[in-house]
PDB file of N, CA and C in Angstrom:
ATOM      1  N   MET A   1      -9.353  59.495 -64.223  1.00  0.00           N
ATOM      2  CA  MET A   1      -8.001  60.184 -65.627  1.00  0.00           C
ATOM      3  C   MET A   1      -7.717  61.197 -66.663  1.00  0.00           C
ATOM      4  N   GLU A   2      -8.138  60.261 -67.579  1.00  0.00           N
ATOM      5  CA  GLU A   2      -8.424  59.938 -68.540  1.00  0.00           C
ATOM      6  C   GLU A   2      -9.475  61.321 -69.222  1.00  0.00           C
ATOM      7  N   THR A   3     -10.374  60.979 -68.598  1.00  0.00           N
ATOM      8  CA  THR A   3     -11.195  61.169 -68.836  1.00  0.00           C
ATOM      9  C   THR A   3     -11.589  62.537 -68.809  1.00  0.00           C
ATOM     10  N   ARG A   4     -11.517  62.423 -67.574  1.00  0.00           N
ATOM     11  CA  ARG A   4     -10.934  64.572 -66.913  1.00  0.00           C
ATOM     12  C   ARG A   4     -10.121  65.715 -68.125  1.00  0.00           C
ATOM     13  N   LEU A   5      -9.174  65.051 -68.253  1.00  0.00           N
ATOM     14  CA  LEU A   5      -7.779  65.834 -69.001  1.00  0.00           C
ATOM     15  C   LEU A   5      -8.534  66.338 -70.678  1.00  0.00           C
ATOM     16  N   ARG A   6      -9.317  64.750 -70.718  1.00  0.00           N
ATOM     17  CA  ARG A   6      -9.999  65.405 -72.170  1.00  0.00           C
ATOM     18  C   ARG A   6     -10.817  65.554 -72.700  1.00  0.00           C
ATOM     19  N   ASN A   7     -12.084  65.521 -71.711  1.00  0.00           N
ATOM     20  CA  ASN A   7     -12.790  66.550 -71.912  1.00  0.00           C
ATOM     21  C   ASN A   7     -12.405  67.739 -71.892  1.00  0.00           C
ATOM     22  N   LEU A   8     -11.210  68.184 -71.120  1.00  0.00           N
ATOM     23  CA  LEU A   8     -10.749  69.611 -70.255  1.00  0.00           C
ATOM     24  C   LEU A   8     -10.974  69.721 -71.955  1.00  0.00           C
ATOM     25  N   ARG A   9      -9.061  69.820 -72.835  1.00  0.00           N
ATOM     26  CA  ARG A   9      -9.062  69.066 -74.321  1.00  0.00           C
ATOM     27  C   ARG A   9      -9.722  69.752 -74.751  1.00  0.00           C
ATOM     28  N   GLU A  10     -10.764  68.781 -75.108  1.00  0.00           N
ATOM     29  CA  GLU A  10     -11.861  68.800 -76.079  1.00  0.00           C
ATOM     30  C   GLU A  10     -12.901  70.304 -76.152  1.00  0.00           C
ATOM     31  N   ASP A  11     -13.380  70.253 -74.211  1.00  0.00           N
ATOM     32  CA  ASP A  11     -13.547  71.510 -73.766  1.00  0.00           C
ATOM     33  C   ASP A  11     -13.363  72.763 -75.183  1.00  0.00           C
ATOM     34  N   ASN A  12     -12.243  72.449 -75.081  1.00  0.00           N
ATOM     35  CA  ASN A  12     -11.576  74.337 -75.349  1.00  0.00           C
ATOM     36  C   ASN A  12     -10.695  74.314 -76.593  1.00  0.00           C
ATOM     37  N   ASP A  13     -11.667  73.100 -77.458  1.00  0.00           N
ATOM     38  CA  ASP A  13     -11.113  73.114 -78.646  1.00  0.00           C
ATOM     39  C   ASP A  13      -9.454  73.305 -78.995  1.00  0.00           C
ATOM     40  N   LEU A  14      -8.853  72.104 -77.774  1.00  0.00           N
ATOM     41  CA  LEU A  14      -7.346  71.485 -78.288  1.00  0.00           C
ATOM     42  C   LEU A  14      -7.038  70.308 -78.689  1.00  0.00           C
ATOM     43  N   ASN A  15      -5.805  69.862 -79.112  1.00  0.00           N
ATOM     44  CA  ASN A  15      -6.189  68.887 -79.875  1.00  0.00           C
ATOM     45  C   ASN A  15      -4.280  68.805 -79.314  1.00  0.00           C
ATOM     46  N   GLN A  16      -3.892  67.616 -78.851  1.00  0.00           N
ATOM     47  CA  GLN A  16      -3.088  66.542 -78.002  1.00  0.00           C
ATOM     48  C   GLN A  16      -1.223  67.412 -78.368  1.00  0.00           C
ATOM     49  N   THR A  17      -1.840  68.147 -79.169  1.00  0.00           N
ATOM     50  CA  THR A  17      -0.008  68.803 -79.857  1.00  0.00           C
ATOM     51  C   THR A  17      -0.158  70.124 -79.033  1.00  0.00           C
ATOM     52  N   ASP A  18      -1.237  71.109 -78.739  1.00  0.00           N
ATOM     53  CA  ASP A  18      -1.918  72.154 -78.185  1.00  0.00           C
ATOM     54  C   ASP A  18      -1.677  71.538 -77.165  1.00  0.00           C
ATOM     55  N   ILE A  19      -1.503  70.964 -76.416  1.00  0.00           N
ATOM     56  CA  ILE A  19      -0.778  70.621 -74.495  1.00  0.00           C
ATOM     57  C   ILE A  19       0.244  70.245 -74.636  1.00  0.00           C
ATOM     58  N   SER A  20       0.861  69.318 -75.436  1.00  0.00           N
ATOM     59  CA  SER A  20       2.155  68.745 -75.915  1.00  0.00           C
ATOM     60  C   SER A  20       2.611  70.063 -75.177  1.00  0.00           C
ATOM     61  N   LYS A  21       2.599  70.819 -76.320  1.00  0.00           N
ATOM     62  CA  LYS A  21       4.105  72.423 -76.253  1.00  0.00           C
ATOM     63  C   LYS A  21       3.477  73.297 -75.002  1.00  0.00           C
ATOM     64  N   LEU A  22       2.264  73.410 -74.607  1.00  0.00           N
ATOM     65  CA  LEU A  22       1.826  74.311 -73.089  1.00  0.00           C
ATOM     66  C   LEU A  22       3.163  73.058 -71.765  1.00  0.00           C
ATOM     67  N   LEU A  23       3.208  72.163 -72.163  1.00  0.00           N
ATOM     68  CA  LEU A  23       3.733  70.936 -71.139  1.00  0.00           C
ATOM     69  C   LEU A  23       5.139  70.959 -71.878  1.00  0.00           C
ATOM     70  N   ASN A  24       5.340  71.700 -72.912  1.00  0.00           N
ATOM     71  CA  ASN A  24       6.733  71.892 -72.814  1.00  0.00           C
ATOM     72  C   ASN A  24       6.969  69.553 -73.120  1.00  0.00           C
ATOM     73  N   ILE A  25       5.792  68.217 -73.686  1.00  0.00           N
ATOM     74  CA  ILE A  25       6.685  67.039 -73.879  1.00  0.00           C
ATOM     75  C   ILE A  25       6.109  66.657 -75.168  1.00  0.00           C
ATOM     76  N   SER A  26       6.022  65.941 -75.570  1.00  0.00           N
ATOM     77  CA  SER A  26       5.849  64.750 -76.517  1.00  0.00           C
ATOM     78  C   SER A  26       4.983  64.811 -76.339  1.00  0.00           C
ATOM     79  N   GLN A  27       3.066  64.923 -77.441  1.00  0.00           N
ATOM     80  CA  GLN A  27       2.449  64.917 -77.983  1.00  0.00           C
ATOM     81  C   GLN A  27       2.127  63.092 -77.593  1.00  0.00           C
ATOM     82  N   VAL A  28       2.723  61.672 -78.065  1.00  0.00           N
ATOM     83  CA  VAL A  28       3.079  61.022 -77.630  1.00  0.00           C
ATOM     84  C   VAL A  28       3.141  60.620 -75.792  1.00  0.00           C
ATOM     85  N   ALA A  29       3.745  61.329 -75.521  1.00  0.00           N
ATOM     86  CA  ALA A  29       4.162  61.103 -74.141  1.00  0.00           C
ATOM     87  C   ALA A  29       2.653  62.067 -73.358  1.00  0.00           C
ATOM     88  N   TYR A  30       1.845  62.560 -73.747  1.00  0.00           N
ATOM     89  CA  TYR A  30       0.797  62.857 -73.060  1.00  0.00           C
ATOM     90  C   TYR A  30      -0.456  62.518 -73.164  1.00  0.00           C
ATOM     91  N   SER A  31      -0.224  62.032 -74.963  1.00  0.00           N
ATOM     92  CA  SER A  31      -1.358  60.713 -74.939  1.00  0.00           C
ATOM     93  C   SER A  31      -1.190  59.676 -74.598  1.00  0.00           C
ATOM     94  N   HIS A  32      -0.026  59.371 -74.096  1.00  0.00           N
ATOM     95  CA  HIS A  32       0.008  57.895 -72.695  1.00  0.00           C
ATOM     96  C   HIS A  32      -0.954  58.170 -70.987  1.00  0.00           C
ATOM     97  N   TYR A  33      -0.593  60.141 -70.716  1.00  0.00           N
ATOM     98  CA  TYR A  33      -1.252  60.826 -70.034  1.00  0.00           C
ATOM     99  C   TYR A  33      -2.551  60.622 -69.621  1.00  0.00           C
ATOM    100  N   GLU A  34      -2.783  60.662 -70.163  1.00  0.00           N
ATOM    101  CA  GLU A  34      -4.687  61.074 -71.374  1.00  0.00           C
ATOM    102  C   GLU A  34      -6.006  59.473 -71.482  1.00  0.00           C
ATOM    103  N   LEU A  35      -4.784  58.889 -71.608  1.00  0.00           N
ATOM    104  CA  LEU A  35      -4.981  57.507 -71.725  1.00  0.00           C
ATOM    105  C   LEU A  35      -5.244  56.907 -70.123  1.00  0.00           C
ATOM    106  N   ASN A  36      -4.141  57.174 -69.041  1.00  0.00           N
ATOM    107  CA  ASN A  36      -3.851  56.738 -68.219  1.00  0.00           C
ATOM    108  C   ASN A  36      -3.144  55.260 -68.328  1.00  0.00           C
ATOM    109  N   LYS A  37      -2.317  55.850 -69.520  1.00  0.00           N
ATOM    110  CA  LYS A  37      -0.496  54.410 -69.600  1.00  0.00           C
ATOM    111  C   LYS A  37       0.268  54.418 -68.718  1.00  0.00           C
ATOM    112  N   ARG A  38      -0.207  55.629 -67.997  1.00  0.00           N
ATOM    113  CA  ARG A  38       1.303  56.709 -67.233  1.00  0.00           C
ATOM    114  C   ARG A  38       0.889  57.178 -66.918  1.00  0.00           C
ATOM    115  N   ASN A  39       1.544  57.669 -64.916  1.00  0.00           N
ATOM    116  CA  ASN A  39       1.331  58.487 -64.526  1.00  0.00           C
ATOM    117  C   ASN A  39       1.524  59.893 -65.124  1.00  0.00           C
ATOM    118  N   ILE A  40       0.830  60.629 -64.510  1.00  0.00           N
ATOM    119  CA  ILE A  40       1.185  62.250 -65.097  1.00  0.00           C
ATOM    120  C   ILE A  40       2.310  62.320 -63.360  1.00  0.00           C
ATOM    121  N   PRO A  41       3.151  63.693 -63.836  1.00  0.00           N
ATOM    122  CA  PRO A  41       3.929  63.552 -62.922  1.00  0.00           C
ATOM    123  C   PRO A  41       3.225  65.215 -62.041  1.00  0.00           C
ATOM    124  N   LEU A  42       3.412  65.265 -61.114  1.00  0.00           N
ATOM    125  CA  LEU A  42       1.979  66.808 -60.177  1.00  0.00           C
ATOM    126  C   LEU A  42       2.502  67.881 -61.099  1.00  0.00           C
ATOM    127  N   ASP A  43       4.164  68.378 -60.975  1.00  0.00           N
ATOM    128  CA  ASP A  43       4.269  69.052 -61.534  1.00  0.00           C
ATOM    129  C   ASP A  43       3.888  69.204 -63.043  1.00  0.00           C
ATOM    130  N   LEU A  44       3.139  68.651 -64.082  1.00  0.00           N
ATOM    131  CA  LEU A  44       2.227  68.992 -65.383  1.00  0.00           C
ATOM    132  C   LEU A  44       1.070  68.803 -64.806  1.00  0.00           C
ATOM    133  N   LEU A  45       0.243  68.310 -63.639  1.00  0.00           N
ATOM    134  CA  LEU A  45      -0.970  68.563 -63.040  1.00  0.00           C
ATOM    135  C   LEU A  45      -1.113  69.289 -62.818  1.00  0.00           C
ATOM    136  N   SER A  46      -0.087  70.206 -62.314  1.00  0.00           N
ATOM    137  CA  SER A  46      -0.374  71.490 -61.061  1.00  0.00           C
ATOM    138  C   SER A  46      -0.607  72.190 -62.220  1.00  0.00           C
ATOM    139  N   LYS A  47       0.712  72.245 -64.037  1.00  0.00           N
ATOM    140  CA  LYS A  47       0.604  72.869 -64.717  1.00  0.00           C
ATOM    141  C   LYS A  47      -1.402  73.380 -65.382  1.00  0.00           C
ATOM    142  N   LEU A  48      -1.288  72.461 -65.855  1.00  0.00           N
ATOM    143  CA  LEU A  48      -3.182  71.596 -66.118  1.00  0.00           C
ATOM    144  C   LEU A  48      -3.866  71.950 -65.710  1.00  0.00           C
ATOM    145  N   ALA A  49      -4.622  71.881 -64.385  1.00  0.00           N
ATOM    146  CA  ALA A  49      -4.864  72.439 -63.367  1.00  0.00           C
ATOM    147  C   ALA A  49      -4.963  73.243 -63.259  1.00  0.00           C
ATOM    148  N   ASP A  50      -3.569  75.214 -63.406  1.00  0.00           N
ATOM    149  CA  ASP A  50      -3.490  76.593 -63.724  1.00  0.00           C
ATOM    150  C   ASP A  50      -4.817  76.216 -65.487  1.00  0.00           C
ATOM    151  N   TYR A  51      -3.991  75.708 -65.940  1.00  0.00           N
ATOM    152  CA  TYR A  51      -4.203  76.689 -67.591  1.00  0.00           C
ATOM    153  C   TYR A  51      -5.936  76.743 -67.359  1.00  0.00           C
ATOM    154  N   TYR A  52      -6.252  75.285 -66.682  1.00  0.00           N
ATOM    155  CA  TYR A  52      -7.771  74.824 -67.137  1.00  0.00           C
ATOM    156  C   TYR A  52      -8.486  75.162 -66.108  1.00  0.00           C
ATOM    157  N   ASN A  53      -7.843  76.462 -64.831  1.00  0.00           N
ATOM    158  CA  ASN A  53      -8.943  77.108 -63.750  1.00  0.00           C
ATOM    159  C   ASN A  53      -9.668  75.966 -63.108  1.00  0.00           C
ATOM    160  N   THR A  54      -8.418  74.829 -62.682  1.00  0.00           N
ATOM    161  CA  THR A  54      -9.417  74.030 -61.892  1.00  0.00           C
ATOM    162  C   THR A  54      -8.527  73.349 -60.454  1.00  0.00           C
ATOM    163  N   SER A  55      -8.879  72.462 -60.273  1.00  0.00           N
ATOM    164  CA  SER A  55      -8.358  71.473 -59.002  1.00  0.00           C
ATOM    165  C   SER A  55      -7.777  70.836 -59.327  1.00  0.00           C
ATOM    166  N   ILE A  56      -6.281  69.984 -59.166  1.00  0.00           N
ATOM    167  CA  ILE A  56      -5.900  68.708 -59.348  1.00  0.00           C
ATOM    168  C   ILE A  56      -6.988  67.538 -59.001  1.00  0.00           C
ATOM    169  N   ASP A  57      -7.402  68.078 -57.759  1.00  0.00           N
ATOM    170  CA  ASP A  57      -9.011  66.747 -56.863  1.00  0.00           C
ATOM    171  C   ASP A  57      -9.512  66.942 -58.121  1.00  0.00           C
ATOM    172  N   TYR A  58      -9.593  67.706 -58.950  1.00  0.00           N
ATOM    173  CA  TYR A  58     -11.316  67.093 -59.970  1.00  0.00           C
ATOM    174  C   TYR A  58     -10.052  66.341 -61.313  1.00  0.00           C
ATOM    175  N   LEU A  59      -9.683  67.147 -61.848  1.00  0.00           N
ATOM    176  CA  LEU A  59      -7.941  66.136 -62.229  1.00  0.00           C
ATOM    177  C   LEU A  59      -8.390  64.781 -62.197  1.00  0.00           C
ATOM    178  N   VAL A  60      -8.262  64.011 -60.807  1.00  0.00           N
ATOM    179  CA  VAL A  60      -7.651  62.825 -60.397  1.00  0.00           C
ATOM    180  C   VAL A  60      -9.129  62.526 -60.452  1.00  0.00           C
ATOM    181  N   PHE A  61     -10.302  62.949 -59.784  1.00  0.00           N
ATOM    182  CA  PHE A  61     -11.537  62.418 -59.324  1.00  0.00           C
ATOM    183  C   PHE A  61     -11.962  62.002 -57.881  1.00  0.00           C
ATOM    184  N   ARG A  62     -10.955  63.031 -57.491  1.00  0.00           N
ATOM    185  CA  ARG A  62     -11.127  63.896 -55.397  1.00  0.00           C
ATOM    186  C   ARG A  62     -12.214  64.208 -55.361  1.00  0.00           C
ATOM    187  N   THR A  63     -12.713  65.411 -56.711  1.00  0.00           N
ATOM    188  CA  THR A  63     -14.314  66.383 -56.798  1.00  0.00           C
ATOM    189  C   THR A  63     -15.210  66.177 -57.501  1.00  0.00           C
ATOM    190  N   ASN A  64     -16.647  66.672 -57.816  1.00  0.00           N
ATOM    191  CA  ASN A  64     -16.569  66.836 -58.887  1.00  0.00           C
ATOM    192  C   ASN A  64     -16.933  68.556 -59.029  1.00  0.00           C
ATOM    193  N   GLU A  65     -16.148  68.909 -58.632  1.00  0.00           N
ATOM    194  CA  GLU A  65     -16.380  70.998 -58.452  1.00  0.00           C
ATOM    195  C   GLU A  65     -15.042  70.776 -58.849  1.00  0.00           C
ATOM    196  N   LYS A  66     -15.797  71.767 -60.090  1.00  0.00           N
ATOM    197  CA  LYS A  66     -14.451  71.621 -61.610  1.00  0.00           C
ATOM    198  C   LYS A  66     -13.503  73.454 -60.631  1.00  0.00           C
ATOM    199  N   LYS A  67     -14.293  74.193 -59.976  1.00  0.00           N
ATOM    200  CA  LYS A  67     -13.624  75.488 -59.225  1.00  0.00           C
ATOM    201  C   LYS A  67     -12.418  75.004 -58.642  1.00  0.00           C
ATOM    202  N   PRO A  68     -11.886  76.020 -58.925  1.00  0.00           N
ATOM    203  CA  PRO A  68     -10.185  76.263 -58.557  1.00  0.00           C
ATOM    204  C   PRO A  68     -10.796  76.834 -56.705  1.00  0.00           C
ATOM    205  N   TYR A  69      -9.681  75.948 -56.121  1.00  0.00           N
ATOM    206  CA  TYR A  69      -9.700  76.853 -54.958  1.00  0.00           C
ATOM    207  C   TYR A  69      -8.897  77.769 -54.743  1.00  0.00           C
ATOM    208  N   PRO A  70      -9.283  78.293 -53.633  1.00  0.00           N
ATOM    209  CA  PRO A  70      -8.073  79.932 -53.698  1.00  0.00           C
ATOM    210  C   PRO A  70      -7.132  79.575 -53.654  1.00  0.00           C
ATOM    211  N   LYS A  71      -6.516  80.936 -54.440  1.00  0.00           N
ATOM    212  CA  LYS A  71      -5.023  80.795 -54.691  1.00  0.00           C
ATOM    213  C   LYS A  71      -4.298  81.284 -52.877  1.00  0.00           C
ATOM    214  N   ALA A  72      -3.306  80.625 -52.291  1.00  0.00           N
ATOM    215  CA  ALA A  72      -2.759  80.649 -51.556  1.00  0.00           C
ATOM    216  C   ALA A  72      -1.898  81.938 -51.635  1.00  0.00           C
ATOM    217  N   LYS A  73      -2.197  82.816 -50.222  1.00  0.00           N
ATOM    218  CA  LYS A  73      -1.255  84.530 -50.269  1.00  0.00           C
ATOM    219  C   LYS A  73       0.119  83.856 -49.545  1.00  0.00           C
ATOM    220  N   LYS A  74       0.746  84.685 -50.449  1.00  0.00           N
ATOM    221  CA  LYS A  74       2.575  84.501 -49.811  1.00  0.00           C
ATOM    222  C   LYS A  74       2.720  85.688 -48.609  1.00  0.00           C
TER     223      LYS A  74
END
């Protein structure tokens, strides 16, 4: 997972501080997620998937398809 998180962040010309502010966590905490030193909580993973317009499955290597799933109808 760390590779995809880092690649997406860098592809968007962002640094870890930018993403940590988006997630309302410290830069060090985000760094641990990106380096796979800690498991990232599902709510933060969901925020990142939405932010990068992809799916959680893509972030956790369950698929190589970057395109997100269609949104659920309410």
